[in-house]
Amino acid sequence: MYKVSPAQTYFIAVYESRNHAMQMYHYFKSTHPNKYLLISTPCRIKSGCSYSIKFNEQDDLKLLLDESANLKKNISGIYLVEKINGRNSYKKVAIT
């Protein structure tokens, strides 16, 4: 279990395609407003014009994984983002 501080730490889900991320964001926007945000994927994780979904609570991870699987939207990675000394640090989270 990861310890999450709302101001300095959050999670991002990186999808295999930009379209998958956008489709999942619109799905979550209608079913779970204010839990998930669409953001540009950090270049240190994936180059190109990609989008990811940002969320703050680890409890929201299970919902995201379940709904993505149900809608057949493949996730290429989940990352824990922590601000350390003013810079973002990215740690890949194991998906089980």
N, C-alpha and C. Protein backbone atom coordinates (compact mmCIF):
# COMPACT_ATOMS: atom_id res chain seq x y z
N MET A 1 0.85 -1.18 0.00
CA MET A 1 0.00 0.00 0.00
C MET A 1 0.89 1.24 0.00
N TYR A 2 0.57 2.19 -0.86
CA TYR A 2 1.32 3.42 -0.95
C TYR A 2 0.69 4.48 -0.07
N LYS A 3 1.52 5.24 0.62
CA LYS A 3 1.03 6.36 1.42
C LYS A 3 0.87 7.56 0.49
N VAL A 4 -0.31 8.14 0.47
CA VAL A 4 -0.61 9.19 -0.48
C VAL A 4 -0.91 10.49 0.25
N SER A 5 -0.17 11.54 -0.08
CA SER A 5 -0.42 12.88 0.42
C SER A 5 -1.07 13.68 -0.71
N PRO A 6 -2.30 14.16 -0.54
CA PRO A 6 -3.04 14.75 -1.65
C PRO A 6 -2.32 15.91 -2.35
N ALA A 7 -1.60 16.74 -1.61
CA ALA A 7 -0.99 17.91 -2.23
C ALA A 7 0.25 17.56 -3.06
N GLN A 8 0.99 16.56 -2.67
CA GLN A 8 2.27 16.27 -3.30
C GLN A 8 2.29 14.98 -4.10
N THR A 9 1.28 14.16 -3.98
CA THR A 9 1.32 12.82 -4.57
C THR A 9 0.00 12.51 -5.27
N TYR A 10 0.12 11.85 -6.40
CA TYR A 10 -1.06 11.40 -7.13
C TYR A 10 -0.67 10.23 -8.03
N PHE A 11 -1.65 9.66 -8.70
CA PHE A 11 -1.43 8.53 -9.61
C PHE A 11 -1.80 8.95 -11.03
N ILE A 12 -1.17 8.31 -12.02
CA ILE A 12 -1.61 8.48 -13.40
C ILE A 12 -1.69 7.11 -14.06
N ALA A 13 -2.70 6.97 -14.89
CA ALA A 13 -2.87 5.76 -15.70
C ALA A 13 -2.54 6.14 -17.14
N VAL A 14 -1.56 5.44 -17.70
CA VAL A 14 -1.13 5.68 -19.08
C VAL A 14 -1.75 4.60 -19.95
N TYR A 15 -2.51 5.02 -20.93
CA TYR A 15 -3.18 4.08 -21.83
C TYR A 15 -2.32 3.84 -23.07
N GLU A 16 -2.61 2.74 -23.76
CA GLU A 16 -1.85 2.39 -24.95
C GLU A 16 -2.07 3.37 -26.09
N SER A 17 -3.20 4.07 -26.08
CA SER A 17 -3.43 5.07 -27.13
C SER A 17 -4.07 6.31 -26.53
N ARG A 18 -3.85 7.40 -27.22
CA ARG A 18 -4.44 8.68 -26.82
C ARG A 18 -5.97 8.58 -26.83
N ASN A 19 -6.51 7.92 -27.83
CA ASN A 19 -7.97 7.78 -27.93
C ASN A 19 -8.55 7.00 -26.76
N HIS A 20 -7.86 5.95 -26.31
CA HIS A 20 -8.35 5.18 -25.16
C HIS A 20 -8.42 6.07 -23.92
N ALA A 21 -7.40 6.88 -23.70
CA ALA A 21 -7.39 7.78 -22.54
C ALA A 21 -8.54 8.77 -22.63
N MET A 22 -8.77 9.33 -23.80
CA MET A 22 -9.85 10.30 -23.97
C MET A 22 -11.22 9.64 -23.78
N GLN A 23 -11.39 8.44 -24.31
CA GLN A 23 -12.67 7.74 -24.16
C GLN A 23 -12.93 7.40 -22.69
N MET A 24 -11.90 6.95 -21.98
CA MET A 24 -12.09 6.62 -20.56
C MET A 24 -12.36 7.87 -19.74
N TYR A 25 -11.69 8.97 -20.06
CA TYR A 25 -11.95 10.21 -19.34
C TYR A 25 -13.41 10.63 -19.50
N HIS A 26 -13.92 10.61 -20.72
CA HIS A 26 -15.31 11.00 -20.95
C HIS A 26 -16.28 10.04 -20.25
N TYR A 27 -15.93 8.76 -20.22
CA TYR A 27 -16.75 7.79 -19.49
C TYR A 27 -16.77 8.14 -17.99
N PHE A 28 -15.59 8.36 -17.40
CA PHE A 28 -15.52 8.68 -15.97
C PHE A 28 -16.14 10.04 -15.66
N LYS A 29 -16.03 10.97 -16.58
CA LYS A 29 -16.62 12.30 -16.37
C LYS A 29 -18.13 12.19 -16.19
N SER A 30 -18.75 11.25 -16.91
CA SER A 30 -20.21 11.10 -16.79
C SER A 30 -20.62 10.18 -15.64
N THR A 31 -19.76 9.24 -15.26
CA THR A 31 -20.14 8.29 -14.21
C THR A 31 -19.56 8.63 -12.84
N HIS A 32 -18.40 9.24 -12.79
CA HIS A 32 -17.73 9.58 -11.53
C HIS A 32 -17.08 10.96 -11.66
N PRO A 33 -17.90 12.02 -11.75
CA PRO A 33 -17.33 13.35 -11.94
C PRO A 33 -16.41 13.75 -10.79
N ASN A 34 -15.38 14.49 -11.11
CA ASN A 34 -14.42 15.05 -10.15
C ASN A 34 -13.46 14.05 -9.55
N LYS A 35 -13.45 12.80 -9.99
CA LYS A 35 -12.49 11.82 -9.47
C LYS A 35 -11.28 11.68 -10.38
N TYR A 36 -11.48 11.89 -11.67
CA TYR A 36 -10.43 11.63 -12.65
C TYR A 36 -10.26 12.85 -13.55
N LEU A 37 -9.00 13.13 -13.92
CA LEU A 37 -8.69 14.25 -14.81
C LEU A 37 -7.91 13.73 -16.01
N LEU A 38 -8.09 14.37 -17.15
CA LEU A 38 -7.32 14.06 -18.34
C LEU A 38 -6.12 15.00 -18.37
N ILE A 39 -4.92 14.44 -18.44
CA ILE A 39 -3.70 15.25 -18.47
C ILE A 39 -2.80 14.77 -19.60
N SER A 40 -1.86 15.61 -19.99
CA SER A 40 -0.84 15.18 -20.94
C SER A 40 0.10 14.22 -20.23
N THR A 41 0.46 13.15 -20.90
CA THR A 41 1.39 12.19 -20.31
C THR A 41 2.77 12.84 -20.22
N PRO A 42 3.40 12.79 -19.05
CA PRO A 42 4.75 13.36 -18.93
C PRO A 42 5.72 12.71 -19.91
N CYS A 43 6.57 13.53 -20.52
CA CYS A 43 7.54 13.04 -21.51
C CYS A 43 8.51 12.02 -20.92
N ARG A 44 8.73 12.08 -19.62
CA ARG A 44 9.65 11.12 -18.99
C ARG A 44 9.04 9.73 -18.93
N ILE A 45 7.73 9.62 -19.13
CA ILE A 45 7.08 8.31 -19.13
C ILE A 45 6.85 7.82 -20.55
N LYS A 46 6.33 8.70 -21.41
CA LYS A 46 6.01 8.30 -22.79
C LYS A 46 6.12 9.52 -23.69
N SER A 47 6.88 9.39 -24.76
CA SER A 47 7.04 10.53 -25.66
C SER A 47 5.86 10.62 -26.62
N GLY A 48 5.70 11.77 -27.21
CA GLY A 48 4.62 11.97 -28.16
C GLY A 48 3.45 12.70 -27.53
N CYS A 49 2.41 12.82 -28.29
CA CYS A 49 1.20 13.54 -27.85
C CYS A 49 0.22 12.56 -27.22
N SER A 50 0.51 12.14 -26.02
CA SER A 50 -0.31 11.15 -25.35
C SER A 50 -1.03 11.78 -24.16
N TYR A 51 -2.17 11.20 -23.81
CA TYR A 51 -2.91 11.63 -22.63
C TYR A 51 -2.95 10.49 -21.62
N SER A 52 -3.08 10.89 -20.36
CA SER A 52 -3.23 9.94 -19.26
C SER A 52 -4.37 10.41 -18.37
N ILE A 53 -4.77 9.54 -17.47
CA ILE A 53 -5.81 9.90 -16.50
C ILE A 53 -5.16 10.01 -15.13
N LYS A 54 -5.40 11.16 -14.50
CA LYS A 54 -4.84 11.45 -13.18
C LYS A 54 -5.92 11.21 -12.13
N PHE A 55 -5.51 10.60 -11.00
CA PHE A 55 -6.42 10.42 -9.87
C PHE A 55 -5.62 10.47 -8.59
N ASN A 56 -6.27 10.85 -7.50
CA ASN A 56 -5.56 11.11 -6.24
C ASN A 56 -5.56 9.96 -5.25
N GLU A 57 -6.56 9.12 -5.29
CA GLU A 57 -6.72 8.09 -4.28
C GLU A 57 -6.40 6.71 -4.82
N GLN A 58 -5.67 5.93 -4.05
CA GLN A 58 -5.35 4.57 -4.47
C GLN A 58 -6.63 3.73 -4.57
N ASP A 59 -7.64 4.06 -3.78
CA ASP A 59 -8.91 3.33 -3.84
C ASP A 59 -9.57 3.46 -5.21
N ASP A 60 -9.29 4.55 -5.93
CA ASP A 60 -9.87 4.75 -7.26
C ASP A 60 -9.19 3.89 -8.32
N LEU A 61 -8.06 3.30 -7.99
CA LEU A 61 -7.33 2.46 -8.95
C LEU A 61 -8.13 1.24 -9.36
N LYS A 62 -8.76 0.56 -8.40
CA LYS A 62 -9.52 -0.66 -8.72
C LYS A 62 -10.66 -0.34 -9.68
N LEU A 63 -11.38 0.74 -9.42
CA LEU A 63 -12.47 1.14 -10.31
C LEU A 63 -11.93 1.42 -11.71
N LEU A 64 -10.83 2.14 -11.79
CA LEU A 64 -10.24 2.46 -13.09
C LEU A 64 -9.82 1.20 -13.83
N LEU A 65 -9.18 0.27 -13.14
CA LEU A 65 -8.76 -0.98 -13.78
C LEU A 65 -9.96 -1.81 -14.24
N ASP A 66 -10.97 -1.93 -13.38
CA ASP A 66 -12.16 -2.72 -13.73
C ASP A 66 -12.91 -2.13 -14.92
N GLU A 67 -13.14 -0.83 -14.89
CA GLU A 67 -13.89 -0.19 -15.97
C GLU A 67 -13.10 -0.19 -17.27
N SER A 68 -11.80 0.00 -17.20
CA SER A 68 -10.97 -0.06 -18.41
C SER A 68 -11.02 -1.45 -19.03
N ALA A 69 -10.96 -2.47 -18.20
CA ALA A 69 -11.05 -3.85 -18.71
C ALA A 69 -12.42 -4.12 -19.32
N ASN A 70 -13.48 -3.67 -18.65
CA ASN A 70 -14.84 -3.87 -19.17
C ASN A 70 -15.04 -3.21 -20.53
N LEU A 71 -14.41 -2.05 -20.72
CA LEU A 71 -14.56 -1.31 -21.97
C LEU A 71 -13.44 -1.61 -22.96
N LYS A 72 -12.60 -2.58 -22.60
CA LYS A 72 -11.51 -3.04 -23.48
C LYS A 72 -10.55 -1.91 -23.87
N LYS A 73 -10.16 -1.10 -22.88
CA LYS A 73 -9.18 -0.03 -23.07
C LYS A 73 -7.92 -0.43 -22.31
N ASN A 74 -6.85 -0.69 -23.04
CA ASN A 74 -5.63 -1.22 -22.45
C ASN A 74 -4.78 -0.14 -21.79
N ILE A 75 -4.36 -0.45 -20.57
CA ILE A 75 -3.48 0.44 -19.81
C ILE A 75 -2.06 -0.07 -19.96
N SER A 76 -1.14 0.83 -20.33
CA SER A 76 0.25 0.41 -20.47
C SER A 76 1.02 0.57 -19.16
N GLY A 77 0.51 1.36 -18.23
CA GLY A 77 1.18 1.49 -16.94
C GLY A 77 0.44 2.42 -15.99
N ILE A 78 0.61 2.16 -14.70
CA ILE A 78 0.10 3.02 -13.64
C ILE A 78 1.33 3.55 -12.91
N TYR A 79 1.35 4.84 -12.63
CA TYR A 79 2.50 5.46 -11.99
C TYR A 79 2.07 6.25 -10.77
N LEU A 80 2.88 6.16 -9.72
CA LEU A 80 2.75 7.00 -8.55
C LEU A 80 3.66 8.19 -8.78
N VAL A 81 3.11 9.39 -8.70
CA VAL A 81 3.88 10.61 -8.94
C VAL A 81 4.05 11.32 -7.60
N GLU A 82 5.30 11.57 -7.23
CA GLU A 82 5.61 12.27 -5.99
C GLU A 82 6.50 13.46 -6.30
N LYS A 83 6.22 14.57 -5.67
CA LYS A 83 7.07 15.74 -5.83
C LYS A 83 8.17 15.67 -4.77
N ILE A 84 9.41 15.55 -5.24
CA ILE A 84 10.57 15.45 -4.36
C ILE A 84 11.55 16.55 -4.76
N ASN A 85 11.89 17.41 -3.80
CA ASN A 85 12.80 18.53 -4.05
C ASN A 85 12.37 19.36 -5.26
N GLY A 86 11.07 19.58 -5.39
CA GLY A 86 10.55 20.41 -6.46
C GLY A 86 10.41 19.74 -7.81
N ARG A 87 10.77 18.47 -7.92
CA ARG A 87 10.67 17.75 -9.19
C ARG A 87 9.77 16.53 -9.02
N ASN A 88 9.08 16.17 -10.08
CA ASN A 88 8.23 14.99 -10.03
C ASN A 88 9.06 13.73 -10.20
N SER A 89 8.77 12.76 -9.35
CA SER A 89 9.39 11.44 -9.42
C SER A 89 8.29 10.45 -9.79
N TYR A 90 8.60 9.54 -10.73
CA TYR A 90 7.61 8.58 -11.23
C TYR A 90 8.01 7.17 -10.85
N LYS A 91 7.11 6.47 -10.15
CA LYS A 91 7.35 5.08 -9.77
C LYS A 91 6.24 4.23 -10.37
N LYS A 92 6.62 3.23 -11.16
CA LYS A 92 5.63 2.36 -11.77
C LYS A 92 5.02 1.47 -10.69
N VAL A 93 3.70 1.37 -10.70
CA VAL A 93 2.95 0.57 -9.73
C VAL A 93 2.60 -0.75 -10.39
N ALA A 94 2.84 -1.84 -9.67
CA ALA A 94 2.49 -3.17 -10.19
C ALA A 94 0.98 -3.31 -10.27
N ILE A 95 0.50 -3.77 -11.40
CA ILE A 95 -0.93 -4.00 -11.60
C ILE A 95 -1.19 -5.49 -11.41
N THR A 96 -2.03 -5.81 -10.42
CA THR A 96 -2.33 -7.23 -10.17
C THR A 96 -3.78 -7.53 -10.41
